[in-house]
Amino acid sequence: MLAAINALIDDDVTDVLIGSASGVWVQRASGVSRASLELSEQQARSLAVQLIDMGGRHLDDASPCVDVRLGDGVRVHAALAPVSVSGTEISIRLPTRKRLALADFVTDGLLTPAHLALFQSAIESRLPILVSGSAGAGKTTFLGALMSSVPTAERIITIEDVAELRIDHDRRVALETRQANSEGRGALDIAELIRQSLRMRPDRLVVGECRGAEVVDMLRAFTTGHSGGGSTIHANSLEDVAVRLDSLGALAGIGSDAMARLATAAIDLVVHIGQADSRRHVEIGRVKVVGGVLEVIPLDMAGSP
């Protein structure tokens, strides 16, 4: 069955979604399409167990939802019934095989030459950059291209739940979280890895994605001598980034006022990658406090915000 799944994958595929009831779907930049392959519940469950085992973890009724990394950044999540009501579901996220440079985004039409000049200047000036967007928008790919522009003499330390960033840089050190073992011990989360990374003499600190209270640890690191880094965050629009930051700060027990001050001190540029009609577009903003409220103000590329 694994061979049949591999046969569906080419260089343009970003995701393969497999379900005994929902069928097999393949995601490309051009959209999603249903494959002719069909799996029974027994086949889907067997495949899920095999994939999770390849990642060094165990999937069964006691651990019905598991996430692993395979090889060079392939991310697999599996969920078994009855947690997955309709039967076994497998989500496979495939890494971008090519390490992209910022100039490649000009070629494919996502960026203009003015955007390119702005981002190159931001990297040279060591401005921390937050990349936002919905799932599958290309946040991680874009962040990787940004950090590939960092001078080769600088040391980059990246921190991710699952190592997906593609950074073309000789001095990149990659750290990945670790889940607890069967005895509930040995877990290393994003927040702990941020604290550990500060002892590793980073010139740039990059957090693949902030989903929880660790956003505060990251922002504090950016304001304590570790400028020029970056991260990604889920948001539906440029304006929603402020709301998202505020809600993540609340998870860490940080009030809105304190989060606003921390975010404005830590983040210089917000880059939102939006999607409409299978096409991507970029918006750029700056984090500011307006009337005591955290906001992301769109940047006028012809002038100041």
Protein backbone atom coordinates (compact mmCIF):
# COMPACT_ATOMS: atom_id res chain seq x y z
CA MET A 1 0.00 0.00 0.00
CA LEU A 2 2.90 2.33 0.71
CA ALA A 3 4.09 1.89 -2.88
CA ALA A 4 0.66 2.92 -4.16
CA ILE A 5 0.82 6.13 -2.12
CA ASN A 6 4.36 6.88 -3.33
CA ALA A 7 3.12 6.53 -6.91
CA LEU A 8 0.78 9.50 -6.35
CA ILE A 9 3.60 11.83 -5.32
CA ASP A 10 5.55 14.09 -7.68
CA ASP A 11 7.52 17.31 -7.22
CA ASP A 12 4.34 19.45 -7.22
CA VAL A 13 2.52 17.57 -4.48
CA THR A 14 2.42 19.29 -1.07
CA ASP A 15 -0.07 17.08 0.81
CA VAL A 16 -1.65 13.65 0.58
CA LEU A 17 -4.81 13.12 2.65
CA ILE A 18 -5.94 9.53 3.15
CA GLY A 19 -9.09 8.16 4.71
CA SER A 20 -10.93 4.87 4.59
CA ALA A 21 -14.21 6.76 4.27
CA SER A 22 -13.12 10.10 2.77
CA GLY A 23 -10.89 8.64 0.05
CA VAL A 24 -7.43 9.71 -1.06
CA TRP A 25 -6.84 13.35 -2.01
CA VAL A 26 -3.73 15.00 -3.43
CA GLN A 27 -2.94 18.69 -2.90
CA ARG A 28 -0.88 20.74 -5.36
CA ALA A 29 -0.42 24.48 -5.73
CA SER A 30 -3.08 24.38 -8.45
CA GLY A 31 -5.63 22.80 -6.12
CA VAL A 32 -6.79 19.51 -4.67
CA SER A 33 -7.87 16.44 -6.64
CA ARG A 34 -9.19 13.02 -5.70
CA ALA A 35 -7.06 10.00 -6.56
CA SER A 36 -8.57 6.80 -7.92
CA LEU A 37 -6.98 4.82 -5.09
CA GLU A 38 -9.40 3.51 -2.46
CA LEU A 39 -8.46 1.99 0.91
CA SER A 40 -10.49 -0.18 3.22
CA GLU A 41 -10.47 0.59 6.94
CA GLN A 42 -8.10 -2.31 7.52
CA GLN A 43 -5.72 -1.08 4.79
CA ALA A 44 -5.82 2.52 6.02
CA ARG A 45 -5.16 1.50 9.62
CA SER A 46 -2.32 -0.81 8.60
CA LEU A 47 -0.77 1.98 6.53
CA ALA A 48 -1.10 4.45 9.40
CA VAL A 49 0.57 2.08 11.86
CA GLN A 50 3.39 1.43 9.36
CA LEU A 51 4.05 5.13 8.72
CA ILE A 52 4.04 6.05 12.40
CA ASP A 53 6.34 3.11 13.15
CA MET A 54 8.76 4.41 10.50
CA GLY A 55 8.91 7.64 12.51
CA GLY A 56 9.87 5.77 15.68
CA ARG A 57 6.53 6.00 17.47
CA HIS A 58 3.61 3.68 18.13
CA LEU A 59 0.01 4.08 17.00
CA ASP A 60 -2.72 2.04 18.69
CA ASP A 61 -5.96 2.39 20.63
CA ALA A 62 -4.04 3.73 23.63
CA SER A 63 -2.32 6.39 21.46
CA PRO A 64 -4.83 6.99 18.65
CA CYS A 65 -3.42 10.33 17.43
CA VAL A 66 0.29 10.56 16.60
CA ASP A 67 2.48 12.97 14.65
CA VAL A 68 5.94 12.04 13.31
CA ARG A 69 8.63 13.22 10.92
CA LEU A 70 9.98 10.86 8.27
CA GLY A 71 13.28 11.29 6.50
CA ASP A 72 14.04 14.81 5.31
CA GLY A 73 11.00 16.62 6.63
CA VAL A 74 7.99 14.52 5.58
CA ARG A 75 5.35 15.09 8.26
CA VAL A 76 2.76 12.40 8.99
CA HIS A 77 -0.25 12.65 11.30
CA ALA A 78 -2.56 9.71 11.87
CA ALA A 79 -5.83 9.42 13.77
CA LEU A 80 -7.67 6.17 14.49
CA ALA A 81 -11.30 5.45 15.23
CA PRO A 82 -13.19 6.21 17.39
CA VAL A 83 -11.32 9.54 17.73
CA SER A 84 -11.67 9.82 13.97
CA VAL A 85 -15.38 9.07 13.76
CA SER A 86 -15.46 7.89 10.15
CA GLY A 87 -12.35 5.71 10.42
CA THR A 88 -8.59 6.04 10.03
CA GLU A 89 -7.36 9.37 8.67
CA ILE A 90 -3.77 10.04 7.56
CA SER A 91 -2.37 13.47 6.68
CA ILE A 92 0.99 13.59 4.92
CA ARG A 93 2.73 16.96 4.48
CA LEU A 94 5.58 16.89 1.99
CA PRO A 95 8.46 19.38 2.21
CA THR A 96 9.42 21.64 -0.64
CA ARG A 97 12.20 19.77 -2.37
CA LYS A 98 13.84 22.88 -3.77
CA ARG A 99 15.46 25.42 -1.49
CA LEU A 100 14.02 28.68 -2.78
CA ALA A 101 15.66 32.09 -2.74
CA LEU A 102 13.74 35.34 -2.38
CA ALA A 103 14.34 36.09 -6.06
CA ASP A 104 12.38 32.94 -6.97
CA PHE A 105 9.25 34.53 -5.51
CA VAL A 106 9.68 37.47 -7.87
CA THR A 107 9.93 35.07 -10.79
CA ASP A 108 6.69 33.28 -9.85
CA GLY A 109 4.87 36.59 -9.30
CA LEU A 110 4.36 36.50 -5.53
CA LEU A 111 6.80 39.39 -4.91
CA THR A 112 7.55 42.56 -6.82
CA PRO A 113 11.08 43.96 -7.17
CA ALA A 114 10.11 46.53 -4.52
CA HIS A 115 9.16 43.71 -2.13
CA LEU A 116 12.45 41.98 -2.82
CA ALA A 117 14.44 45.15 -2.07
CA LEU A 118 12.50 45.65 1.19
CA PHE A 119 13.13 42.11 2.42
CA GLN A 120 16.79 42.16 1.47
CA SER A 121 17.20 45.41 3.38
CA ALA A 122 15.31 43.94 6.37
CA ILE A 123 17.64 40.94 6.50
CA GLU A 124 20.71 43.16 6.24
CA SER A 125 19.36 45.44 8.97
CA ARG A 126 18.54 42.46 11.22
CA LEU A 127 14.83 43.24 11.48
CA PRO A 128 12.77 40.41 13.06
CA ILE A 129 10.08 39.24 10.64
CA LEU A 130 6.81 37.42 11.37
CA VAL A 131 5.21 35.51 8.47
CA SER A 132 1.48 34.85 8.71
CA GLY A 133 -1.07 32.98 6.65
CA SER A 134 -3.50 30.09 6.65
CA ALA A 135 -2.51 26.42 6.56
CA GLY A 136 -0.75 25.55 3.31
CA ALA A 137 -0.20 29.16 2.29
CA GLY A 138 3.56 28.71 2.07
CA LYS A 139 4.63 30.41 5.32
CA THR A 140 7.40 27.95 6.09
CA THR A 141 8.72 27.99 2.53
CA PHE A 142 8.83 31.78 2.53
CA LEU A 143 10.50 31.97 5.95
CA GLY A 144 13.14 29.54 4.70
CA ALA A 145 13.85 31.74 1.70
CA LEU A 146 14.15 34.80 3.94
CA MET A 147 16.65 33.10 6.23
CA SER A 148 18.63 31.77 3.26
CA SER A 149 19.54 35.42 2.62
CA VAL A 150 21.32 35.72 5.99
CA PRO A 151 25.08 36.34 5.60
CA THR A 152 27.06 33.10 5.68
CA ALA A 153 29.19 34.25 8.63
CA GLU A 154 26.15 34.26 10.91
CA ARG A 155 24.90 31.27 12.91
CA ILE A 156 21.19 30.43 12.55
CA ILE A 157 19.41 28.24 15.07
CA THR A 158 15.99 26.97 14.02
CA ILE A 159 13.39 25.51 16.37
CA GLU A 160 10.41 23.51 15.12
CA ASP A 161 7.84 20.97 16.27
CA VAL A 162 8.71 18.98 13.15
CA ALA A 163 11.75 20.03 11.11
CA GLU A 164 10.35 21.42 7.85
CA LEU A 165 12.30 24.61 7.17
CA ARG A 166 14.44 24.56 4.04
CA ILE A 167 17.27 27.04 4.57
CA ASP A 168 20.22 27.20 2.20
CA HIS A 169 22.83 28.23 4.75
CA ASP A 170 26.06 26.58 5.89
CA ARG A 171 25.77 27.61 9.56
CA ARG A 172 22.22 26.53 10.30
CA VAL A 173 21.63 24.41 13.42
CA ALA A 174 18.23 22.69 13.55
CA LEU A 175 16.45 21.79 16.79
CA GLU A 176 13.26 19.72 16.91
CA THR A 177 10.83 19.14 19.76
CA ARG A 178 10.48 15.74 21.37
CA GLN A 179 7.30 14.26 22.77
CA ALA A 180 7.18 12.40 26.05
CA ASN A 181 7.91 8.69 26.11
CA SER A 182 5.46 6.02 27.23
CA GLU A 183 6.23 6.92 30.85
CA GLY A 184 5.41 10.57 30.28
CA ARG A 185 9.03 11.70 30.49
CA GLY A 186 11.59 13.32 28.23
CA ALA A 187 9.39 15.90 26.50
CA LEU A 188 11.07 18.99 25.03
CA ASP A 189 8.68 21.66 23.79
CA ILE A 190 9.23 24.82 21.76
CA ALA A 191 9.53 27.05 24.82
CA GLU A 192 12.24 24.85 26.36
CA LEU A 193 14.17 24.68 23.09
CA ILE A 194 14.06 28.47 22.81
CA ARG A 195 15.63 28.71 26.26
CA GLN A 196 18.26 26.12 25.34
CA SER A 197 19.05 27.81 22.03
CA LEU A 198 20.00 31.05 23.76
CA ARG A 199 22.95 29.18 25.29
CA MET A 200 24.12 28.09 21.83
CA ARG A 201 25.30 31.53 20.70
CA PRO A 202 22.81 32.15 17.90
CA ASP A 203 23.21 35.15 15.61
CA ARG A 204 19.66 34.58 14.38
CA LEU A 205 16.90 32.67 16.13
CA VAL A 206 14.13 31.20 13.96
CA VAL A 207 11.01 29.54 15.37
CA GLY A 208 9.23 27.58 12.67
CA GLU A 209 5.75 28.27 14.02
CA CYS A 210 4.24 29.72 17.19
CA ARG A 211 0.96 28.14 18.24
CA GLY A 212 0.84 28.74 21.96
CA ALA A 213 2.39 30.37 25.00
CA GLU A 214 5.89 29.92 23.54
CA VAL A 215 5.27 33.08 21.50
CA VAL A 216 6.18 35.09 24.61
CA ASP A 217 9.52 33.27 24.97
CA MET A 218 10.26 33.97 21.32
CA LEU A 219 9.38 37.67 21.50
CA ARG A 220 11.42 38.12 24.65
CA ALA A 221 14.40 36.50 22.91
CA PHE A 222 14.02 38.91 20.00
CA THR A 223 14.21 41.84 22.42
CA THR A 224 17.25 40.63 24.36
CA GLY A 225 20.05 40.80 21.83
CA HIS A 226 18.84 38.17 19.35
CA SER A 227 17.53 40.38 16.57
CA GLY A 228 17.11 39.47 12.94
CA GLY A 229 15.21 36.24 13.44
CA GLY A 230 11.77 35.17 12.35
CA SER A 231 8.78 32.94 12.84
CA THR A 232 5.39 32.05 11.39
CA ILE A 233 1.90 32.28 12.81
CA HIS A 234 -1.55 31.20 11.66
CA ALA A 235 -3.83 34.12 10.74
CA ASN A 236 -6.51 34.67 8.13
CA SER A 237 -5.47 38.23 7.29
CA LEU A 238 -2.85 40.84 8.08
CA GLU A 239 -5.21 42.56 10.49
CA ASP A 240 -5.95 39.28 12.31
CA VAL A 241 -2.28 38.88 13.29
CA ALA A 242 -2.71 41.31 16.20
CA VAL A 243 -5.69 39.36 17.53
CA ARG A 244 -3.77 36.11 17.17
CA LEU A 245 -0.76 37.47 19.05
CA ASP A 246 -2.99 38.78 21.80
CA SER A 247 -4.75 35.43 22.20
CA LEU A 248 -1.46 33.51 22.30
CA GLY A 249 -0.13 35.94 24.89
CA ALA A 250 -3.19 35.25 27.02
CA LEU A 251 -2.24 31.55 27.05
CA ALA A 252 1.02 32.60 28.71
CA GLY A 253 -0.79 34.80 31.21
CA ILE A 254 0.27 38.02 29.48
CA GLY A 255 -2.32 40.80 29.40
CA SER A 256 -3.17 42.76 26.28
CA ASP A 257 -1.19 45.85 27.31
CA ALA A 258 1.96 43.89 28.10
CA MET A 259 1.62 41.83 24.92
CA ALA A 260 1.23 44.96 22.83
CA ARG A 261 4.42 46.47 24.26
CA LEU A 262 6.33 43.21 23.81
CA ALA A 263 5.16 42.66 20.23
CA THR A 264 5.95 46.19 19.09
CA ALA A 265 9.44 45.92 20.60
CA ALA A 266 10.13 42.50 19.10
CA ILE A 267 8.62 42.50 15.58
CA ASP A 268 9.55 44.92 12.82
CA LEU A 269 7.73 43.47 9.81
CA VAL A 270 4.70 41.22 9.37
CA VAL A 271 4.37 39.44 6.02
CA HIS A 272 0.97 37.91 5.31
CA ILE A 273 0.66 35.34 2.53
CA GLY A 274 -2.95 35.16 1.42
CA GLN A 275 -4.69 32.83 -0.99
CA ALA A 276 -7.58 33.52 -3.33
CA ASP A 277 -8.71 31.45 -6.33
CA SER A 278 -5.60 29.23 -6.00
CA ARG A 279 -3.37 32.29 -6.29
CA ARG A 280 -1.19 33.71 -3.54
CA HIS A 281 -0.56 37.34 -2.71
CA VAL A 282 1.54 39.20 -0.16
CA GLU A 283 0.65 41.99 2.26
CA ILE A 284 3.20 43.69 4.51
CA GLY A 285 2.58 45.53 7.75
CA ARG A 286 4.16 46.91 10.90
CA VAL A 287 3.10 46.19 14.46
CA LYS A 288 1.95 49.30 16.32
CA VAL A 289 -0.15 50.30 19.32
CA VAL A 290 -3.06 52.49 18.25
CA GLY A 291 -5.27 53.88 20.98
CA GLY A 292 -3.82 51.41 23.43
CA VAL A 293 -4.67 48.45 21.17
CA LEU A 294 -2.21 46.26 19.27
CA GLU A 295 -2.69 46.55 15.51
CA VAL A 296 -0.85 45.60 12.33
CA ILE A 297 -0.82 48.60 10.02
CA PRO A 298 -0.49 47.83 6.28
CA LEU A 299 2.69 49.20 4.78
CA ASP A 300 2.36 51.43 1.75
CA MET A 301 5.13 50.23 -0.55
CA ALA A 302 5.20 53.70 -2.10
CA GLY A 303 5.83 55.35 1.24
CA SER A 304 5.36 54.93 4.95
CA PRO A 305 2.40 53.23 6.67
